[in-house]
PDB file of all heavy atoms in Angstrom:
ATOM      1  N   SER A   1      14.126   0.062   1.852  1.00  0.00           N
ATOM      2  CA  SER A   1      12.739   0.450   2.182  1.00  0.00           C
ATOM      3  C   SER A   1      12.453   1.877   1.713  1.00  0.00           C
ATOM      4  O   SER A   1      11.967   2.706   2.484  1.00  0.00           O
ATOM      5  CB  SER A   1      12.490   0.330   3.691  1.00  0.00           C
ATOM      6  OG  SER A   1      12.756  -0.969   4.154  1.00  0.00           O
ATOM      7  N   PRO A   2      12.744   2.184   0.452  1.00  0.00           N
ATOM      8  CA  PRO A   2      12.679   3.583   0.018  1.00  0.00           C
ATOM      9  C   PRO A   2      11.262   4.081  -0.245  1.00  0.00           C
ATOM     10  O   PRO A   2      10.355   3.319  -0.563  1.00  0.00           O
ATOM     11  CB  PRO A   2      13.474   3.566  -1.282  1.00  0.00           C
ATOM     12  CG  PRO A   2      13.220   2.206  -1.849  1.00  0.00           C
ATOM     13  CD  PRO A   2      13.192   1.298  -0.636  1.00  0.00           C
ATOM     14  N   ALA A   3      11.116   5.398  -0.113  1.00  0.00           N
ATOM     15  CA  ALA A   3       9.918   6.108  -0.564  1.00  0.00           C
ATOM     16  C   ALA A   3      10.353   6.909  -1.791  1.00  0.00           C
ATOM     17  O   ALA A   3      10.799   8.050  -1.666  1.00  0.00           O
ATOM     18  CB  ALA A   3       9.401   7.025   0.533  1.00  0.00           C
ATOM     19  N   LEU A   4      10.266   6.312  -2.970  1.00  0.00           N
ATOM     20  CA  LEU A   4      10.792   6.945  -4.173  1.00  0.00           C
ATOM     21  C   LEU A   4       9.875   8.024  -4.724  1.00  0.00           C
ATOM     22  O   LEU A   4      10.334   8.992  -5.313  1.00  0.00           O
ATOM     23  CB  LEU A   4      11.055   5.884  -5.246  1.00  0.00           C
ATOM     24  CG  LEU A   4      12.184   4.885  -4.953  1.00  0.00           C
ATOM     25  CD1 LEU A   4      12.262   3.838  -6.044  1.00  0.00           C
ATOM     26  CD2 LEU A   4      13.522   5.594  -4.792  1.00  0.00           C
ATOM     27  N   GLU A   5       8.574   7.850  -4.551  1.00  0.00           N
ATOM     28  CA  GLU A   5       7.600   8.823  -5.052  1.00  0.00           C
ATOM     29  C   GLU A   5       6.647   9.174  -3.916  1.00  0.00           C
ATOM     30  O   GLU A   5       5.896   8.324  -3.440  1.00  0.00           O
ATOM     31  CB  GLU A   5       6.823   8.259  -6.252  1.00  0.00           C
ATOM     32  CG  GLU A   5       7.692   7.889  -7.439  1.00  0.00           C
ATOM     33  CD  GLU A   5       8.301   9.107  -8.111  1.00  0.00           C
ATOM     34  OE1 GLU A   5       7.615  10.152  -8.200  1.00  0.00           O
ATOM     35  OE2 GLU A   5       9.469   9.011  -8.554  1.00  0.00           O
ATOM     36  N   TRP A   6       6.663  10.417  -3.491  1.00  0.00           N
ATOM     37  CA  TRP A   6       5.861  10.820  -2.343  1.00  0.00           C
ATOM     38  C   TRP A   6       4.370  10.646  -2.565  1.00  0.00           C
ATOM     39  O   TRP A   6       3.616  10.363  -1.635  1.00  0.00           O
ATOM     40  CB  TRP A   6       6.148  12.285  -2.003  1.00  0.00           C
ATOM     41  CG  TRP A   6       7.461  12.478  -1.334  1.00  0.00           C
ATOM     42  CD1 TRP A   6       8.462  11.565  -1.182  1.00  0.00           C
ATOM     43  CD2 TRP A   6       7.919  13.676  -0.713  1.00  0.00           C
ATOM     44  NE1 TRP A   6       9.519  12.119  -0.512  1.00  0.00           N
ATOM     45  CE2 TRP A   6       9.215  13.414  -0.215  1.00  0.00           C
ATOM     46  CE3 TRP A   6       7.369  14.935  -0.532  1.00  0.00           C
ATOM     47  CZ2 TRP A   6       9.963  14.378   0.456  1.00  0.00           C
ATOM     48  CZ3 TRP A   6       8.108  15.897   0.125  1.00  0.00           C
ATOM     49  CH2 TRP A   6       9.392  15.612   0.614  1.00  0.00           C
ATOM     50  N   VAL A   7       3.914  10.875  -3.786  1.00  0.00           N
ATOM     51  CA  VAL A   7       2.477  10.829  -4.045  1.00  0.00           C
ATOM     52  C   VAL A   7       1.897   9.468  -3.690  1.00  0.00           C
ATOM     53  O   VAL A   7       0.725   9.356  -3.339  1.00  0.00           O
ATOM     54  CB  VAL A   7       2.196  11.179  -5.531  1.00  0.00           C
ATOM     55  CG1 VAL A   7       2.712  10.081  -6.463  1.00  0.00           C
ATOM     56  CG2 VAL A   7       0.708  11.416  -5.764  1.00  0.00           C
ATOM     57  N   LEU A   8       2.723   8.435  -3.720  1.00  0.00           N
ATOM     58  CA  LEU A   8       2.248   7.090  -3.423  1.00  0.00           C
ATOM     59  C   LEU A   8       2.064   6.849  -1.931  1.00  0.00           C
ATOM     60  O   LEU A   8       1.504   5.833  -1.525  1.00  0.00           O
ATOM     61  CB  LEU A   8       3.221   6.053  -3.992  1.00  0.00           C
ATOM     62  CG  LEU A   8       3.414   6.105  -5.508  1.00  0.00           C
ATOM     63  CD1 LEU A   8       4.462   5.094  -5.936  1.00  0.00           C
ATOM     64  CD2 LEU A   8       2.098   5.837  -6.225  1.00  0.00           C
ATOM     65  N   LEU A   9       2.545   7.776  -1.108  1.00  0.00           N
ATOM     66  CA  LEU A   9       2.414   7.620   0.341  1.00  0.00           C
ATOM     67  C   LEU A   9       1.126   8.243   0.876  1.00  0.00           C
ATOM     68  O   LEU A   9       0.771   8.030   2.032  1.00  0.00           O
ATOM     69  CB  LEU A   9       3.614   8.268   1.049  1.00  0.00           C
ATOM     70  CG  LEU A   9       4.998   7.750   0.653  1.00  0.00           C
ATOM     71  CD1 LEU A   9       6.066   8.482   1.441  1.00  0.00           C
ATOM     72  CD2 LEU A   9       5.106   6.256   0.863  1.00  0.00           C
ATOM     73  N   ASN A  10       0.459   9.009   0.059  1.00  0.00           N
ATOM     74  CA  ASN A  10      -0.717   9.761   0.519  1.00  0.00           C
ATOM     75  C   ASN A  10      -1.986   9.192  -0.102  1.00  0.00           C
ATOM     76  O   ASN A  10      -2.243   9.399  -1.293  1.00  0.00           O
ATOM     77  CB  ASN A  10      -0.570  11.239   0.155  1.00  0.00           C
ATOM     78  CG  ASN A  10       0.675  11.846   0.769  1.00  0.00           C
ATOM     79  OD1 ASN A  10       0.903  11.716   1.961  1.00  0.00           O
ATOM     80  ND2 ASN A  10       1.499  12.499  -0.043  1.00  0.00           N
ATOM     81  N   SER A  11      -2.761   8.496   0.702  1.00  0.00           N
ATOM     82  CA  SER A  11      -3.971   7.869   0.184  1.00  0.00           C
ATOM     83  C   SER A  11      -5.134   8.853   0.162  1.00  0.00           C
ATOM     84  O   SER A  11      -5.287   9.691   1.047  1.00  0.00           O
ATOM     85  CB  SER A  11      -4.343   6.667   1.059  1.00  0.00           C
ATOM     86  OG  SER A  11      -4.579   7.067   2.395  1.00  0.00           O
ATOM     87  N   HIS A  12      -5.920   8.770  -0.905  1.00  0.00           N
ATOM     88  CA  HIS A  12      -7.173   9.507  -0.968  1.00  0.00           C
ATOM     89  C   HIS A  12      -8.099   8.788  -1.942  1.00  0.00           C
ATOM     90  O   HIS A  12      -7.708   7.809  -2.599  1.00  0.00           O
ATOM     91  CB  HIS A  12      -6.944  10.972  -1.378  1.00  0.00           C
ATOM     92  CG  HIS A  12      -6.217  11.153  -2.671  1.00  0.00           C
ATOM     93  ND1 HIS A  12      -6.832  11.075  -3.887  1.00  0.00           N
ATOM     94  CD2 HIS A  12      -4.904  11.408  -2.928  1.00  0.00           C
ATOM     95  CE1 HIS A  12      -5.960  11.287  -4.856  1.00  0.00           C
ATOM     96  NE2 HIS A  12      -4.768  11.483  -4.296  1.00  0.00           N
ATOM     97  N   ASP A  13      -9.321   9.246  -2.037  1.00  0.00           N
ATOM     98  CA  ASP A  13     -10.341   8.523  -2.792  1.00  0.00           C
ATOM     99  C   ASP A  13     -10.141   8.552  -4.301  1.00  0.00           C
ATOM    100  O   ASP A  13     -10.766   7.776  -5.023  1.00  0.00           O
ATOM    101  CB  ASP A  13     -11.727   9.094  -2.481  1.00  0.00           C
ATOM    102  CG  ASP A  13     -12.221   8.697  -1.103  1.00  0.00           C
ATOM    103  OD1 ASP A  13     -11.635   7.762  -0.520  1.00  0.00           O
ATOM    104  OD2 ASP A  13     -13.178   9.314  -0.615  1.00  0.00           O
ATOM    105  N   TYR A  14      -9.285   9.437  -4.803  1.00  0.00           N
ATOM    106  CA  TYR A  14      -9.249   9.680  -6.237  1.00  0.00           C
ATOM    107  C   TYR A  14      -7.995   9.165  -6.924  1.00  0.00           C
ATOM    108  O   TYR A  14      -7.763   9.462  -8.092  1.00  0.00           O
ATOM    109  CB  TYR A  14      -9.411  11.194  -6.490  1.00  0.00           C
ATOM    110  CG  TYR A  14     -10.577  11.742  -5.705  1.00  0.00           C
ATOM    111  CD1 TYR A  14     -10.372  12.552  -4.584  1.00  0.00           C
ATOM    112  CD2 TYR A  14     -11.889  11.395  -6.030  1.00  0.00           C
ATOM    113  CE1 TYR A  14     -11.437  13.012  -3.827  1.00  0.00           C
ATOM    114  CE2 TYR A  14     -12.957  11.851  -5.283  1.00  0.00           C
ATOM    115  CZ  TYR A  14     -12.730  12.656  -4.182  1.00  0.00           C
ATOM    116  OH  TYR A  14     -13.797  13.104  -3.429  1.00  0.00           O
ATOM    117  N   ASP A  15      -7.195   8.393  -6.206  1.00  0.00           N
ATOM    118  CA  ASP A  15      -6.016   7.785  -6.791  1.00  0.00           C
ATOM    119  C   ASP A  15      -5.914   6.363  -6.250  1.00  0.00           C
ATOM    120  O   ASP A  15      -5.943   6.152  -5.036  1.00  0.00           O
ATOM    121  CB  ASP A  15      -4.761   8.592  -6.436  1.00  0.00           C
ATOM    122  CG  ASP A  15      -3.532   8.091  -7.184  1.00  0.00           C
ATOM    123  OD1 ASP A  15      -3.673   7.171  -8.005  1.00  0.00           O
ATOM    124  OD2 ASP A  15      -2.440   8.632  -6.950  1.00  0.00           O
ATOM    125  N   VAL A  16      -5.804   5.394  -7.148  1.00  0.00           N
ATOM    126  CA  VAL A  16      -5.892   3.998  -6.713  1.00  0.00           C
ATOM    127  C   VAL A  16      -4.531   3.367  -6.437  1.00  0.00           C
ATOM    128  O   VAL A  16      -4.459   2.299  -5.825  1.00  0.00           O
ATOM    129  CB  VAL A  16      -6.625   3.152  -7.771  1.00  0.00           C
ATOM    130  CG1 VAL A  16      -7.986   3.731  -8.060  1.00  0.00           C
ATOM    131  CG2 VAL A  16      -5.815   3.025  -9.054  1.00  0.00           C
ATOM    132  N   LEU A  17      -3.427   3.979  -6.883  1.00  0.00           N
ATOM    133  CA  LEU A  17      -2.134   3.311  -6.825  1.00  0.00           C
ATOM    134  C   LEU A  17      -1.700   2.976  -5.402  1.00  0.00           C
ATOM    135  O   LEU A  17      -1.151   1.905  -5.141  1.00  0.00           O
ATOM    136  CB  LEU A  17      -1.070   4.166  -7.519  1.00  0.00           C
ATOM    137  CG  LEU A  17      -1.230   4.304  -9.036  1.00  0.00           C
ATOM    138  CD1 LEU A  17      -0.183   5.247  -9.597  1.00  0.00           C
ATOM    139  CD2 LEU A  17      -1.149   2.949  -9.707  1.00  0.00           C
ATOM    140  N   HIS A  18      -1.935   3.897  -4.476  1.00  0.00           N
ATOM    141  CA  HIS A  18      -1.550   3.631  -3.089  1.00  0.00           C
ATOM    142  C   HIS A  18      -2.245   2.385  -2.559  1.00  0.00           C
ATOM    143  O   HIS A  18      -1.621   1.560  -1.882  1.00  0.00           O
ATOM    144  CB  HIS A  18      -1.893   4.824  -2.201  1.00  0.00           C
ATOM    145  CG  HIS A  18      -1.742   4.544  -0.741  1.00  0.00           C
ATOM    146  ND1 HIS A  18      -0.530   4.630  -0.098  1.00  0.00           N
ATOM    147  CD2 HIS A  18      -2.646   4.151   0.203  1.00  0.00           C
ATOM    148  CE1 HIS A  18      -0.692   4.297   1.183  1.00  0.00           C
ATOM    149  NE2 HIS A  18      -1.961   4.017   1.382  1.00  0.00           N
ATOM    150  N   TYR A  19      -3.523   2.223  -2.872  1.00  0.00           N
ATOM    151  CA  TYR A  19      -4.279   1.078  -2.353  1.00  0.00           C
ATOM    152  C   TYR A  19      -3.825  -0.228  -2.989  1.00  0.00           C
ATOM    153  O   TYR A  19      -3.798  -1.271  -2.329  1.00  0.00           O
ATOM    154  CB  TYR A  19      -5.767   1.307  -2.595  1.00  0.00           C
ATOM    155  CG  TYR A  19      -6.296   2.518  -1.879  1.00  0.00           C
ATOM    156  CD1 TYR A  19      -6.558   3.699  -2.563  1.00  0.00           C
ATOM    157  CD2 TYR A  19      -6.497   2.511  -0.506  1.00  0.00           C
ATOM    158  CE1 TYR A  19      -7.019   4.831  -1.907  1.00  0.00           C
ATOM    159  CE2 TYR A  19      -6.960   3.633   0.165  1.00  0.00           C
ATOM    160  CZ  TYR A  19      -7.208   4.788  -0.547  1.00  0.00           C
ATOM    161  OH  TYR A  19      -7.654   5.908   0.112  1.00  0.00           O
ATOM    162  N   VAL A  20      -3.428  -0.188  -4.254  1.00  0.00           N
ATOM    163  CA  VAL A  20      -2.914  -1.378  -4.924  1.00  0.00           C
ATOM    164  C   VAL A  20      -1.588  -1.801  -4.294  1.00  0.00           C
ATOM    165  O   VAL A  20      -1.373  -2.980  -3.999  1.00  0.00           O
ATOM    166  CB  VAL A  20      -2.723  -1.111  -6.432  1.00  0.00           C
ATOM    167  CG1 VAL A  20      -1.991  -2.269  -7.103  1.00  0.00           C
ATOM    168  CG2 VAL A  20      -4.080  -0.892  -7.101  1.00  0.00           C
ATOM    169  N   ASP A  21      -0.703  -0.829  -4.067  1.00  0.00           N
ATOM    170  CA  ASP A  21       0.615  -1.137  -3.495  1.00  0.00           C
ATOM    171  C   ASP A  21       0.506  -1.671  -2.072  1.00  0.00           C
ATOM    172  O   ASP A  21       1.138  -2.674  -1.715  1.00  0.00           O
ATOM    173  CB  ASP A  21       1.494   0.115  -3.506  1.00  0.00           C
ATOM    174  CG  ASP A  21       1.851   0.564  -4.914  1.00  0.00           C
ATOM    175  OD1 ASP A  21       1.706  -0.237  -5.845  1.00  0.00           O
ATOM    176  OD2 ASP A  21       2.260   1.734  -5.073  1.00  0.00           O
ATOM    177  N   SER A  22      -0.269  -0.974  -1.235  1.00  0.00           N
ATOM    178  CA  SER A  22      -0.349  -1.360   0.176  1.00  0.00           C
ATOM    179  C   SER A  22      -1.152  -2.650   0.365  1.00  0.00           C
ATOM    180  O   SER A  22      -0.920  -3.384   1.336  1.00  0.00           O
ATOM    181  CB  SER A  22      -0.968  -0.232   1.008  1.00  0.00           C
ATOM    182  OG  SER A  22      -2.267   0.077   0.564  1.00  0.00           O
ATOM    183  N   PHE A  23      -2.070  -2.949  -0.557  1.00  0.00           N
ATOM    184  CA  PHE A  23      -2.854  -4.178  -0.458  1.00  0.00           C
ATOM    185  C   PHE A  23      -1.947  -5.400  -0.367  1.00  0.00           C
ATOM    186  O   PHE A  23      -2.215  -6.326   0.420  1.00  0.00           O
ATOM    187  CB  PHE A  23      -3.788  -4.314  -1.672  1.00  0.00           C
ATOM    188  CG  PHE A  23      -4.502  -5.631  -1.735  1.00  0.00           C
ATOM    189  CD1 PHE A  23      -5.679  -5.841  -1.030  1.00  0.00           C
ATOM    190  CD2 PHE A  23      -3.990  -6.676  -2.495  1.00  0.00           C
ATOM    191  CE1 PHE A  23      -6.329  -7.073  -1.080  1.00  0.00           C
ATOM    192  CE2 PHE A  23      -4.626  -7.908  -2.551  1.00  0.00           C
ATOM    193  CZ  PHE A  23      -5.811  -8.104  -1.844  1.00  0.00           C
ATOM    194  N   CYS A  24      -0.870  -5.415  -1.163  1.00  0.00           N
ATOM    195  CA  CYS A  24      -0.004  -6.593  -1.208  1.00  0.00           C
ATOM    196  C   CYS A  24       0.621  -6.878   0.160  1.00  0.00           C
ATOM    197  O   CYS A  24       0.639  -8.032   0.626  1.00  0.00           O
ATOM    198  CB  CYS A  24       1.071  -6.411  -2.267  1.00  0.00           C
ATOM    199  SG  CYS A  24       0.419  -6.270  -3.946  1.00  0.00           S
ATOM    200  N   SER A  25       1.131  -5.839   0.815  1.00  0.00           N
ATOM    201  CA  SER A  25       1.738  -6.039   2.138  1.00  0.00           C
ATOM    202  C   SER A  25       0.689  -6.401   3.183  1.00  0.00           C
ATOM    203  O   SER A  25       0.945  -7.222   4.074  1.00  0.00           O
ATOM    204  CB  SER A  25       2.490  -4.771   2.563  1.00  0.00           C
ATOM    205  OG  SER A  25       3.636  -4.580   1.758  1.00  0.00           O
ATOM    206  N   MET A  26      -0.490  -5.795   3.092  1.00  0.00           N
ATOM    207  CA  MET A  26      -1.551  -6.119   4.052  1.00  0.00           C
ATOM    208  C   MET A  26      -2.016  -7.560   3.888  1.00  0.00           C
ATOM    209  O   MET A  26      -2.262  -8.261   4.874  1.00  0.00           O
ATOM    210  CB  MET A  26      -2.713  -5.142   3.892  1.00  0.00           C
ATOM    211  CG  MET A  26      -2.383  -3.733   4.338  1.00  0.00           C
ATOM    212  SD  MET A  26      -3.821  -2.616   4.475  1.00  0.00           S
ATOM    213  CE  MET A  26      -4.315  -2.497   2.756  1.00  0.00           C
ATOM    214  N   ALA A  27      -2.134  -8.017   2.651  1.00  0.00           N
ATOM    215  CA  ALA A  27      -2.563  -9.398   2.415  1.00  0.00           C
ATOM    216  C   ALA A  27      -1.530 -10.387   2.948  1.00  0.00           C
ATOM    217  O   ALA A  27      -1.890 -11.430   3.524  1.00  0.00           O
ATOM    218  CB  ALA A  27      -2.803  -9.618   0.925  1.00  0.00           C
ATOM    219  N   LEU A  28      -0.253 -10.084   2.779  1.00  0.00           N
ATOM    220  CA  LEU A  28       0.792 -10.944   3.337  1.00  0.00           C
ATOM    221  C   LEU A  28       0.735 -10.958   4.864  1.00  0.00           C
ATOM    222  O   LEU A  28       0.936 -11.999   5.497  1.00  0.00           O
ATOM    223  CB  LEU A  28       2.165 -10.466   2.872  1.00  0.00           C
ATOM    224  CG  LEU A  28       2.511 -10.691   1.401  1.00  0.00           C
ATOM    225  CD1 LEU A  28       3.842 -10.036   1.053  1.00  0.00           C
ATOM    226  CD2 LEU A  28       2.564 -12.189   1.080  1.00  0.00           C
ATOM    227  N   ALA A  29       0.450  -9.796   5.459  1.00  0.00           N
ATOM    228  CA  ALA A  29       0.351  -9.712   6.919  1.00  0.00           C
ATOM    229  C   ALA A  29      -0.836 -10.516   7.428  1.00  0.00           C
ATOM    230  O   ALA A  29      -0.745 -11.194   8.463  1.00  0.00           O
ATOM    231  CB  ALA A  29       0.224  -8.252   7.351  1.00  0.00           C
ATOM    232  N   ALA A  30      -1.962 -10.443   6.724  1.00  0.00           N
ATOM    233  CA  ALA A  30      -3.139 -11.220   7.129  1.00  0.00           C
ATOM    234  C   ALA A  30      -2.826 -12.711   7.094  1.00  0.00           C
ATOM    235  O   ALA A  30      -3.221 -13.465   7.992  1.00  0.00           O
ATOM    236  CB  ALA A  30      -4.314 -10.892   6.214  1.00  0.00           C
ATOM    237  N   ALA A  31      -2.100 -13.143   6.076  1.00  0.00           N
ATOM    238  CA  ALA A  31      -1.716 -14.555   5.991  1.00  0.00           C
ATOM    239  C   ALA A  31      -0.757 -14.922   7.116  1.00  0.00           C
ATOM    240  O   ALA A  31      -0.870 -16.003   7.713  1.00  0.00           O
ATOM    241  CB  ALA A  31      -1.078 -14.829   4.633  1.00  0.00           C
ATOM    242  N   PHE A  32       0.172 -14.031   7.437  1.00  0.00           N
ATOM    243  CA  PHE A  32       1.123 -14.295   8.515  1.00  0.00           C
ATOM    244  C   PHE A  32       0.408 -14.529   9.843  1.00  0.00           C
ATOM    245  O   PHE A  32       0.778 -15.426  10.608  1.00  0.00           O
ATOM    246  CB  PHE A  32       2.095 -13.124   8.653  1.00  0.00           C
ATOM    247  CG  PHE A  32       3.093 -13.275   9.770  1.00  0.00           C
ATOM    248  CD1 PHE A  32       4.307 -13.903   9.548  1.00  0.00           C
ATOM    249  CD2 PHE A  32       2.817 -12.809  11.046  1.00  0.00           C
ATOM    250  CE1 PHE A  32       5.219 -14.068  10.577  1.00  0.00           C
ATOM    251  CE2 PHE A  32       3.726 -12.960  12.085  1.00  0.00           C
ATOM    252  CZ  PHE A  32       4.933 -13.594  11.850  1.00  0.00           C
ATOM    253  N   HIS A  33      -0.608 -13.717  10.124  1.00  0.00           N
ATOM    254  CA  HIS A  33      -1.340 -13.838  11.392  1.00  0.00           C
ATOM    255  C   HIS A  33      -2.462 -14.870  11.348  1.00  0.00           C
ATOM    256  O   HIS A  33      -3.224 -14.992  12.316  1.00  0.00           O
ATOM    257  CB  HIS A  33      -1.903 -12.470  11.789  1.00  0.00           C
ATOM    258  CG  HIS A  33      -0.865 -11.490  12.221  1.00  0.00           C
ATOM    259  ND1 HIS A  33      -0.195 -11.579  13.421  1.00  0.00           N
ATOM    260  CD2 HIS A  33      -0.353 -10.382  11.600  1.00  0.00           C
ATOM    261  CE1 HIS A  33       0.668 -10.575  13.534  1.00  0.00           C
ATOM    262  NE2 HIS A  33       0.592  -9.838  12.443  1.00  0.00           N
ATOM    263  N   GLY A  34      -2.567 -15.612  10.253  1.00  0.00           N
ATOM    264  CA  GLY A  34      -3.594 -16.645  10.144  1.00  0.00           C
ATOM    265  C   GLY A  34      -5.000 -16.106   9.975  1.00  0.00           C
ATOM    266  O   GLY A  34      -5.976 -16.807  10.265  1.00  0.00           O
TER     267      GLY A  34
END
């Protein structure tokens, strides 16, 4: 469960990578909870 690049842990309006990465886990969680 590594945090290899810190910049990816800090969300803000001007960088999209964090939202792309976290979207995948959130979508799986939404499916898990029906």
